[in-house]
Amino acid sequence: MGELPSGCRRRRACALGVALLFFFVSRPAGAQLHWDASAQLGVMKRFVASRPAGTEDAGFGPTGQLTGHLALLPLVHVGGYVGHDISPAPGDAAARQITFAGGRVKGMLPWVRGSFRSWIFAGFGYARVYAPSYESTFTIVDGEGTSARRPVVVQGAGGGFFDVPFGIGASYKLFKPWELCAELGARAGFGHTGSVYEAPGPAVRVEDSARQRVSPAGLDRFALGLTVGVMIDL
């Protein structure tokens, strides 16, 4: 076979060089790809603002969340979260069901070394709220002006608000890639909408009487929570 022209040889050598360069450059980039995911359970206390006079605040309730992050930089991880908490309501009211999801960023604290790691985090998302219906007894005034305690059913109500989580977390390495983790976090809420938050409030069904309304229970402005769980770090 005859020898290839010099132009063909140069083109082949150039193509081979580009392929080798791509191979050796992409391998370290792939090797440096770092991600983590966690599942956590804990307790949360929501502080309800603008409550009707004389009503109590929400109680402590269970919460759980899933998080995942990709390391864009060694100390900056970007990802998302999804979770749910049950917020006990005072009196006869049913506990509110709150589901939240969004994006978040966590910054690793470089001075925490060894088997321990620590980080701060902040995010932005949206929370959907459902307050289930419940039975209670209200003072009802009839058309003749007579008041009496009567059984009622407060209808379920829904709504939502923008969710801003932030806090601090830590983990302890058990064995690669598993770690124990915990987060102490707060949540701020704004932009509340829906019948669970806005007047005239949830509907009330009373037998043999016109449908009435009950005042909204208040706004989920702030919350504190502590969660613990397991993390996979690769």
C-alpha atoms as a PDB file:
ATOM      1  CA  MET A   1       0.000   0.000   0.000  1.00  0.00           C
ATOM      2  CA  GLY A   2       1.203   3.488  -0.761  1.00  0.00           C
ATOM      3  CA  GLU A   3       2.080   6.051   1.844  1.00  0.00           C
ATOM      4  CA  LEU A   4      -0.688   8.472   2.900  1.00  0.00           C
ATOM      5  CA  PRO A   5      -0.292  12.053   1.772  1.00  0.00           C
ATOM      6  CA  SER A   6       1.222  14.364   4.369  1.00  0.00           C
ATOM      7  CA  GLY A   7      -2.074  16.315   4.660  1.00  0.00           C
ATOM      8  CA  CYS A   8      -4.009  13.165   5.575  1.00  0.00           C
ATOM      9  CA  ARG A   9      -1.371  12.178   8.115  1.00  0.00           C
ATOM     10  CA  ARG A  10      -1.590  15.596   9.762  1.00  0.00           C
ATOM     11  CA  ARG A  11      -5.375  15.466   9.898  1.00  0.00           C
ATOM     12  CA  ARG A  12      -5.314  11.973  11.448  1.00  0.00           C
ATOM     13  CA  ALA A  13      -2.685  13.001  13.969  1.00  0.00           C
ATOM     14  CA  CYS A  14      -4.715  16.089  14.878  1.00  0.00           C
ATOM     15  CA  ALA A  15      -7.905  14.049  15.311  1.00  0.00           C
ATOM     16  CA  LEU A  16      -6.064  11.516  17.482  1.00  0.00           C
ATOM     17  CA  GLY A  17      -4.597  14.305  19.596  1.00  0.00           C
ATOM     18  CA  VAL A  18      -8.005  15.886  20.138  1.00  0.00           C
ATOM     19  CA  ALA A  19      -9.496  12.510  21.110  1.00  0.00           C
ATOM     20  CA  LEU A  20      -6.688  11.824  23.596  1.00  0.00           C
ATOM     21  CA  LEU A  21      -6.965  15.316  25.036  1.00  0.00           C
ATOM     22  CA  PHE A  22     -10.744  14.896  25.485  1.00  0.00           C
ATOM     23  CA  PHE A  23     -10.204  11.484  27.122  1.00  0.00           C
ATOM     24  CA  PHE A  24      -7.618  12.653  29.642  1.00  0.00           C
ATOM     25  CA  VAL A  25      -9.396  15.929  30.440  1.00  0.00           C
ATOM     26  CA  SER A  26     -12.858  14.402  30.839  1.00  0.00           C
ATOM     27  CA  ARG A  27     -11.690  11.629  33.159  1.00  0.00           C
ATOM     28  CA  PRO A  28     -10.515  13.933  35.972  1.00  0.00           C
ATOM     29  CA  ALA A  29     -13.653  16.076  35.546  1.00  0.00           C
ATOM     30  CA  GLY A  30     -15.836  12.985  35.911  1.00  0.00           C
ATOM     31  CA  ALA A  31     -13.770  11.774  38.854  1.00  0.00           C
ATOM     32  CA  GLN A  32     -14.316  15.109  40.611  1.00  0.00           C
ATOM     33  CA  LEU A  33     -18.109  15.012  40.207  1.00  0.00           C
ATOM     34  CA  HIS A  34     -19.415  15.043  43.756  1.00  0.00           C
ATOM     35  CA  TRP A  35     -22.989  14.710  45.013  1.00  0.00           C
ATOM     36  CA  ASP A  36     -24.875  13.880  48.185  1.00  0.00           C
ATOM     37  CA  ALA A  37     -28.411  12.961  49.208  1.00  0.00           C
ATOM     38  CA  SER A  38     -30.043  12.660  52.621  1.00  0.00           C
ATOM     39  CA  ALA A  39     -33.254  11.513  54.297  1.00  0.00           C
ATOM     40  CA  GLN A  40     -34.096  13.162  57.623  1.00  0.00           C
ATOM     41  CA  LEU A  41     -36.842  13.048  60.256  1.00  0.00           C
ATOM     42  CA  GLY A  42     -37.438  15.337  63.193  1.00  0.00           C
ATOM     43  CA  VAL A  43     -39.687  17.851  64.907  1.00  0.00           C
ATOM     44  CA  MET A  44     -40.854  21.322  63.883  1.00  0.00           C
ATOM     45  CA  LYS A  45     -42.546  24.189  65.704  1.00  0.00           C
ATOM     46  CA  ARG A  46     -44.433  26.722  63.590  1.00  0.00           C
ATOM     47  CA  PHE A  47     -45.104  30.165  65.032  1.00  0.00           C
ATOM     48  CA  VAL A  48     -48.415  31.461  63.682  1.00  0.00           C
ATOM     49  CA  ALA A  49     -48.702  35.239  63.353  1.00  0.00           C
ATOM     50  CA  SER A  50     -51.870  37.360  63.139  1.00  0.00           C
ATOM     51  CA  ARG A  51     -53.894  34.822  65.134  1.00  0.00           C
ATOM     52  CA  PRO A  52     -57.426  35.685  66.270  1.00  0.00           C
ATOM     53  CA  ALA A  53     -57.484  37.143  69.790  1.00  0.00           C
ATOM     54  CA  GLY A  54     -57.516  34.514  72.516  1.00  0.00           C
ATOM     55  CA  THR A  55     -56.344  31.604  70.342  1.00  0.00           C
ATOM     56  CA  GLU A  56     -53.282  29.485  71.031  1.00  0.00           C
ATOM     57  CA  ASP A  57     -50.267  28.963  68.795  1.00  0.00           C
ATOM     58  CA  ALA A  58     -49.566  25.794  66.819  1.00  0.00           C
ATOM     59  CA  GLY A  59     -47.807  22.969  68.649  1.00  0.00           C
ATOM     60  CA  PHE A  60     -44.747  20.829  67.949  1.00  0.00           C
ATOM     61  CA  GLY A  61     -45.236  18.308  65.146  1.00  0.00           C
ATOM     62  CA  PRO A  62     -43.292  15.695  63.166  1.00  0.00           C
ATOM     63  CA  THR A  63     -41.465  16.596  59.988  1.00  0.00           C
ATOM     64  CA  GLY A  64     -39.396  14.845  57.341  1.00  0.00           C
ATOM     65  CA  GLN A  65     -37.431  15.908  54.298  1.00  0.00           C
ATOM     66  CA  LEU A  66     -35.272  14.667  51.435  1.00  0.00           C
ATOM     67  CA  THR A  67     -32.363  16.743  50.116  1.00  0.00           C
ATOM     68  CA  GLY A  68     -29.852  16.348  47.323  1.00  0.00           C
ATOM     69  CA  HIS A  69     -26.896  18.446  46.160  1.00  0.00           C
ATOM     70  CA  LEU A  70     -24.279  18.600  43.426  1.00  0.00           C
ATOM     71  CA  ALA A  71     -20.893  20.170  44.212  1.00  0.00           C
ATOM     72  CA  LEU A  72     -20.396  22.970  41.704  1.00  0.00           C
ATOM     73  CA  LEU A  73     -17.342  24.090  43.705  1.00  0.00           C
ATOM     74  CA  PRO A  74     -15.510  22.287  46.542  1.00  0.00           C
ATOM     75  CA  LEU A  75     -17.276  24.386  49.188  1.00  0.00           C
ATOM     76  CA  VAL A  76     -20.496  25.269  47.338  1.00  0.00           C
ATOM     77  CA  HIS A  77     -23.172  22.603  46.786  1.00  0.00           C
ATOM     78  CA  VAL A  78     -26.398  23.339  44.915  1.00  0.00           C
ATOM     79  CA  GLY A  79     -29.503  21.144  44.970  1.00  0.00           C
ATOM     80  CA  GLY A  80     -33.086  20.823  46.097  1.00  0.00           C
ATOM     81  CA  TYR A  81     -35.364  19.741  48.923  1.00  0.00           C
ATOM     82  CA  VAL A  82     -38.823  18.276  49.410  1.00  0.00           C
ATOM     83  CA  GLY A  83     -40.524  17.620  52.720  1.00  0.00           C
ATOM     84  CA  HIS A  84     -43.672  17.503  54.802  1.00  0.00           C
ATOM     85  CA  ASP A  85     -44.662  18.448  58.311  1.00  0.00           C
ATOM     86  CA  ILE A  86     -47.770  18.061  60.441  1.00  0.00           C
ATOM     87  CA  SER A  87     -48.567  21.200  62.420  1.00  0.00           C
ATOM     88  CA  PRO A  88     -50.923  20.526  65.370  1.00  0.00           C
ATOM     89  CA  ALA A  89     -53.641  23.156  65.772  1.00  0.00           C
ATOM     90  CA  PRO A  90     -55.188  24.249  69.085  1.00  0.00           C
ATOM     91  CA  GLY A  91     -58.593  23.136  70.291  1.00  0.00           C
ATOM     92  CA  ASP A  92     -60.706  20.878  68.119  1.00  0.00           C
ATOM     93  CA  ALA A  93     -59.020  21.948  64.867  1.00  0.00           C
ATOM     94  CA  ALA A  94     -57.326  19.208  62.839  1.00  0.00           C
ATOM     95  CA  ALA A  95     -53.565  19.351  62.358  1.00  0.00           C
ATOM     96  CA  ARG A  96     -52.526  21.163  59.195  1.00  0.00           C
ATOM     97  CA  GLN A  97     -50.663  19.206  56.525  1.00  0.00           C
ATOM     98  CA  ILE A  98     -47.816  21.241  54.976  1.00  0.00           C
ATOM     99  CA  THR A  99     -45.775  20.009  52.007  1.00  0.00           C
ATOM    100  CA  PHE A 100     -42.801  22.071  50.849  1.00  0.00           C
ATOM    101  CA  ALA A 101     -40.255  21.879  48.029  1.00  0.00           C
ATOM    102  CA  GLY A 102     -37.674  24.089  46.345  1.00  0.00           C
ATOM    103  CA  GLY A 103     -34.008  24.696  45.650  1.00  0.00           C
ATOM    104  CA  ARG A 104     -31.232  25.276  48.124  1.00  0.00           C
ATOM    105  CA  VAL A 105     -27.516  26.007  48.413  1.00  0.00           C
ATOM    106  CA  LYS A 106     -25.204  24.808  51.144  1.00  0.00           C
ATOM    107  CA  GLY A 107     -21.757  26.176  51.896  1.00  0.00           C
ATOM    108  CA  MET A 108     -19.288  23.816  53.532  1.00  0.00           C
ATOM    109  CA  LEU A 109     -17.364  25.141  56.549  1.00  0.00           C
ATOM    110  CA  PRO A 110     -13.677  24.552  55.711  1.00  0.00           C
ATOM    111  CA  TRP A 111     -12.359  24.522  59.280  1.00  0.00           C
ATOM    112  CA  VAL A 112     -14.396  21.402  60.186  1.00  0.00           C
ATOM    113  CA  ARG A 113     -12.201  18.443  59.189  1.00  0.00           C
ATOM    114  CA  GLY A 114     -11.735  14.720  59.724  1.00  0.00           C
ATOM    115  CA  SER A 115     -14.792  12.511  60.046  1.00  0.00           C
ATOM    116  CA  PHE A 116     -16.971  15.532  60.821  1.00  0.00           C
ATOM    117  CA  ARG A 117     -18.342  18.004  58.292  1.00  0.00           C
ATOM    118  CA  SER A 118     -20.503  21.043  58.770  1.00  0.00           C
ATOM    119  CA  TRP A 119     -22.334  23.503  56.549  1.00  0.00           C
ATOM    120  CA  ILE A 120     -24.728  26.406  56.397  1.00  0.00           C
ATOM    121  CA  PHE A 121     -27.668  26.336  54.000  1.00  0.00           C
ATOM    122  CA  ALA A 122     -30.359  28.574  52.540  1.00  0.00           C
ATOM    123  CA  GLY A 123     -33.079  28.011  49.975  1.00  0.00           C
ATOM    124  CA  PHE A 124     -36.249  29.213  48.345  1.00  0.00           C
ATOM    125  CA  GLY A 125     -39.395  27.275  47.503  1.00  0.00           C
ATOM    126  CA  TYR A 126     -43.128  26.970  47.954  1.00  0.00           C
ATOM    127  CA  ALA A 127     -45.300  25.271  50.576  1.00  0.00           C
ATOM    128  CA  ARG A 128     -48.800  23.884  50.019  1.00  0.00           C
ATOM    129  CA  VAL A 129     -51.094  23.737  53.037  1.00  0.00           C
ATOM    130  CA  TYR A 130     -54.241  21.753  53.729  1.00  0.00           C
ATOM    131  CA  ALA A 131     -56.299  22.119  56.900  1.00  0.00           C
ATOM    132  CA  PRO A 132     -58.657  19.090  57.097  1.00  0.00           C
ATOM    133  CA  SER A 133     -62.283  19.445  58.132  1.00  0.00           C
ATOM    134  CA  TYR A 134     -63.174  18.872  61.777  1.00  0.00           C
ATOM    135  CA  GLU A 135     -66.169  18.818  64.119  1.00  0.00           C
ATOM    136  CA  SER A 136     -66.592  21.299  66.924  1.00  0.00           C
ATOM    137  CA  THR A 137     -69.207  23.226  68.915  1.00  0.00           C
ATOM    138  CA  PHE A 138     -69.811  26.919  68.235  1.00  0.00           C
ATOM    139  CA  THR A 139     -72.170  29.507  69.632  1.00  0.00           C
ATOM    140  CA  ILE A 140     -74.678  30.132  66.830  1.00  0.00           C
ATOM    141  CA  VAL A 141     -77.085  33.071  66.725  1.00  0.00           C
ATOM    142  CA  ASP A 142     -80.319  32.261  64.899  1.00  0.00           C
ATOM    143  CA  GLY A 143     -82.574  34.636  62.962  1.00  0.00           C
ATOM    144  CA  GLU A 144     -84.449  35.619  66.129  1.00  0.00           C
ATOM    145  CA  GLY A 145     -81.287  36.675  67.908  1.00  0.00           C
ATOM    146  CA  THR A 146     -81.147  33.644  70.198  1.00  0.00           C
ATOM    147  CA  SER A 147     -77.686  32.164  70.744  1.00  0.00           C
ATOM    148  CA  ALA A 148     -76.969  28.552  71.559  1.00  0.00           C
ATOM    149  CA  ARG A 149     -74.077  26.108  71.472  1.00  0.00           C
ATOM    150  CA  ARG A 150     -74.504  23.870  68.449  1.00  0.00           C
ATOM    151  CA  PRO A 151     -72.418  21.171  66.750  1.00  0.00           C
ATOM    152  CA  VAL A 152     -70.794  22.330  63.517  1.00  0.00           C
ATOM    153  CA  VAL A 153     -68.453  21.002  60.858  1.00  0.00           C
ATOM    154  CA  VAL A 154     -65.650  23.303  59.772  1.00  0.00           C
ATOM    155  CA  GLN A 155     -64.877  22.520  56.126  1.00  0.00           C
ATOM    156  CA  GLY A 156     -61.383  21.750  54.909  1.00  0.00           C
ATOM    157  CA  ALA A 157     -59.352  24.690  53.594  1.00  0.00           C
ATOM    158  CA  GLY A 158     -56.237  24.990  51.481  1.00  0.00           C
ATOM    159  CA  GLY A 159     -53.601  27.528  50.569  1.00  0.00           C
ATOM    160  CA  GLY A 160     -49.914  28.119  50.169  1.00  0.00           C
ATOM    161  CA  PHE A 161     -46.996  30.470  50.751  1.00  0.00           C
ATOM    162  CA  PHE A 162     -43.404  31.082  49.692  1.00  0.00           C
ATOM    163  CA  ASP A 163     -40.941  29.115  51.810  1.00  0.00           C
ATOM    164  CA  VAL A 164     -37.423  30.339  52.759  1.00  0.00           C
ATOM    165  CA  PRO A 165     -35.434  27.711  54.710  1.00  0.00           C
ATOM    166  CA  PHE A 166     -32.037  28.461  56.273  1.00  0.00           C
ATOM    167  CA  GLY A 167     -29.856  27.003  59.006  1.00  0.00           C
ATOM    168  CA  ILE A 168     -26.801  24.920  59.869  1.00  0.00           C
ATOM    169  CA  GLY A 169     -26.028  21.222  59.465  1.00  0.00           C
ATOM    170  CA  ALA A 170     -23.393  18.662  60.386  1.00  0.00           C
ATOM    171  CA  SER A 171     -22.519  15.072  59.564  1.00  0.00           C
ATOM    172  CA  TYR A 172     -20.275  12.285  60.849  1.00  0.00           C
ATOM    173  CA  LYS A 173     -18.729   9.751  58.491  1.00  0.00           C
ATOM    174  CA  LEU A 174     -19.579   6.164  59.411  1.00  0.00           C
ATOM    175  CA  PHE A 175     -18.074   4.355  56.423  1.00  0.00           C
ATOM    176  CA  LYS A 176     -17.850   5.352  52.794  1.00  0.00           C
ATOM    177  CA  PRO A 177     -20.295   6.595  51.507  1.00  0.00           C
ATOM    178  CA  TRP A 178     -22.663   6.623  54.541  1.00  0.00           C
ATOM    179  CA  GLU A 179     -22.850   9.416  57.114  1.00  0.00           C
ATOM    180  CA  LEU A 180     -25.073  10.396  60.015  1.00  0.00           C
ATOM    181  CA  CYS A 181     -26.398  13.928  59.569  1.00  0.00           C
ATOM    182  CA  ALA A 182     -28.445  16.542  61.401  1.00  0.00           C
ATOM    183  CA  GLU A 183     -29.760  19.996  60.582  1.00  0.00           C
ATOM    184  CA  LEU A 184     -31.013  22.784  62.815  1.00  0.00           C
ATOM    185  CA  GLY A 185     -33.076  25.020  60.588  1.00  0.00           C
ATOM    186  CA  ALA A 186     -35.564  27.833  60.440  1.00  0.00           C
ATOM    187  CA  ARG A 187     -38.181  28.682  57.850  1.00  0.00           C
ATOM    188  CA  ALA A 188     -39.658  32.053  56.933  1.00  0.00           C
ATOM    189  CA  GLY A 189     -42.951  32.337  55.064  1.00  0.00           C
ATOM    190  CA  PHE A 190     -44.559  35.128  53.052  1.00  0.00           C
ATOM    191  CA  GLY A 191     -47.104  35.632  50.284  1.00  0.00           C
ATOM    192  CA  HIS A 192     -49.843  33.564  51.951  1.00  0.00           C
ATOM    193  CA  THR A 193     -52.881  32.765  49.812  1.00  0.00           C
ATOM    194  CA  GLY A 194     -55.941  30.521  50.015  1.00  0.00           C
ATOM    195  CA  SER A 195     -58.951  30.108  52.289  1.00  0.00           C
ATOM    196  CA  VAL A 196     -56.815  28.717  55.110  1.00  0.00           C
ATOM    197  CA  TYR A 197     -55.116  32.138  55.377  1.00  0.00           C
ATOM    198  CA  GLU A 198     -57.358  34.714  53.733  1.00  0.00           C
ATOM    199  CA  ALA A 199     -60.685  36.159  54.916  1.00  0.00           C
ATOM    200  CA  PRO A 200     -63.457  35.213  55.149  1.00  0.00           C
ATOM    201  CA  GLY A 201     -61.818  31.884  56.066  1.00  0.00           C
ATOM    202  CA  PRO A 202     -62.961  28.246  56.039  1.00  0.00           C
ATOM    203  CA  ALA A 203     -66.677  27.556  55.629  1.00  0.00           C
ATOM    204  CA  VAL A 204     -68.733  26.227  58.556  1.00  0.00           C
ATOM    205  CA  ARG A 205     -71.642  23.848  58.005  1.00  0.00           C
ATOM    206  CA  VAL A 206     -74.418  24.049  60.598  1.00  0.00           C
ATOM    207  CA  GLU A 207     -77.505  21.855  60.447  1.00  0.00           C
ATOM    208  CA  ASP A 208     -80.682  23.807  59.626  1.00  0.00           C
ATOM    209  CA  SER A 209     -78.756  27.053  59.343  1.00  0.00           C
ATOM    210  CA  ALA A 210     -77.126  29.146  56.646  1.00  0.00           C
ATOM    211  CA  ARG A 211     -73.473  28.410  55.960  1.00  0.00           C
ATOM    212  CA  GLN A 212     -71.125  30.630  57.965  1.00  0.00           C
ATOM    213  CA  ARG A 213     -67.385  31.237  58.103  1.00  0.00           C
ATOM    214  CA  VAL A 214     -64.697  30.856  60.735  1.00  0.00           C
ATOM    215  CA  SER A 215     -61.790  33.288  60.887  1.00  0.00           C
ATOM    216  CA  PRO A 216     -58.425  32.119  59.469  1.00  0.00           C
ATOM    217  CA  ALA A 217     -56.167  30.643  62.152  1.00  0.00           C
ATOM    218  CA  GLY A 218     -53.225  32.939  61.284  1.00  0.00           C
ATOM    219  CA  LEU A 219     -50.145  33.104  59.061  1.00  0.00           C
ATOM    220  CA  ASP A 220     -47.144  30.753  59.034  1.00  0.00           C
ATOM    221  CA  ARG A 221     -44.484  33.444  59.305  1.00  0.00           C
ATOM    222  CA  PHE A 222     -41.693  31.491  61.035  1.00  0.00           C
ATOM    223  CA  ALA A 223     -40.746  27.958  62.059  1.00  0.00           C
ATOM    224  CA  LEU A 224     -37.911  26.160  63.843  1.00  0.00           C
ATOM    225  CA  GLY A 225     -37.010  22.532  63.299  1.00  0.00           C
ATOM    226  CA  LEU A 226     -34.441  19.879  64.128  1.00  0.00           C
ATOM    227  CA  THR A 227     -33.964  16.838  61.901  1.00  0.00           C
ATOM    228  CA  VAL A 228     -31.596  13.863  61.969  1.00  0.00           C
ATOM    229  CA  GLY A 229     -31.007  11.164  59.389  1.00  0.00           C
ATOM    230  CA  VAL A 230     -28.601   9.452  57.051  1.00  0.00           C
ATOM    231  CA  MET A 231     -26.645  10.824  54.119  1.00  0.00           C
ATOM    232  CA  ILE A 232     -24.980   9.187  51.160  1.00  0.00           C
ATOM    233  CA  ASP A 233     -21.940  11.163  49.975  1.00  0.00           C
ATOM    234  CA  LEU A 234     -20.268  10.249  46.678  1.00  0.00           C
END
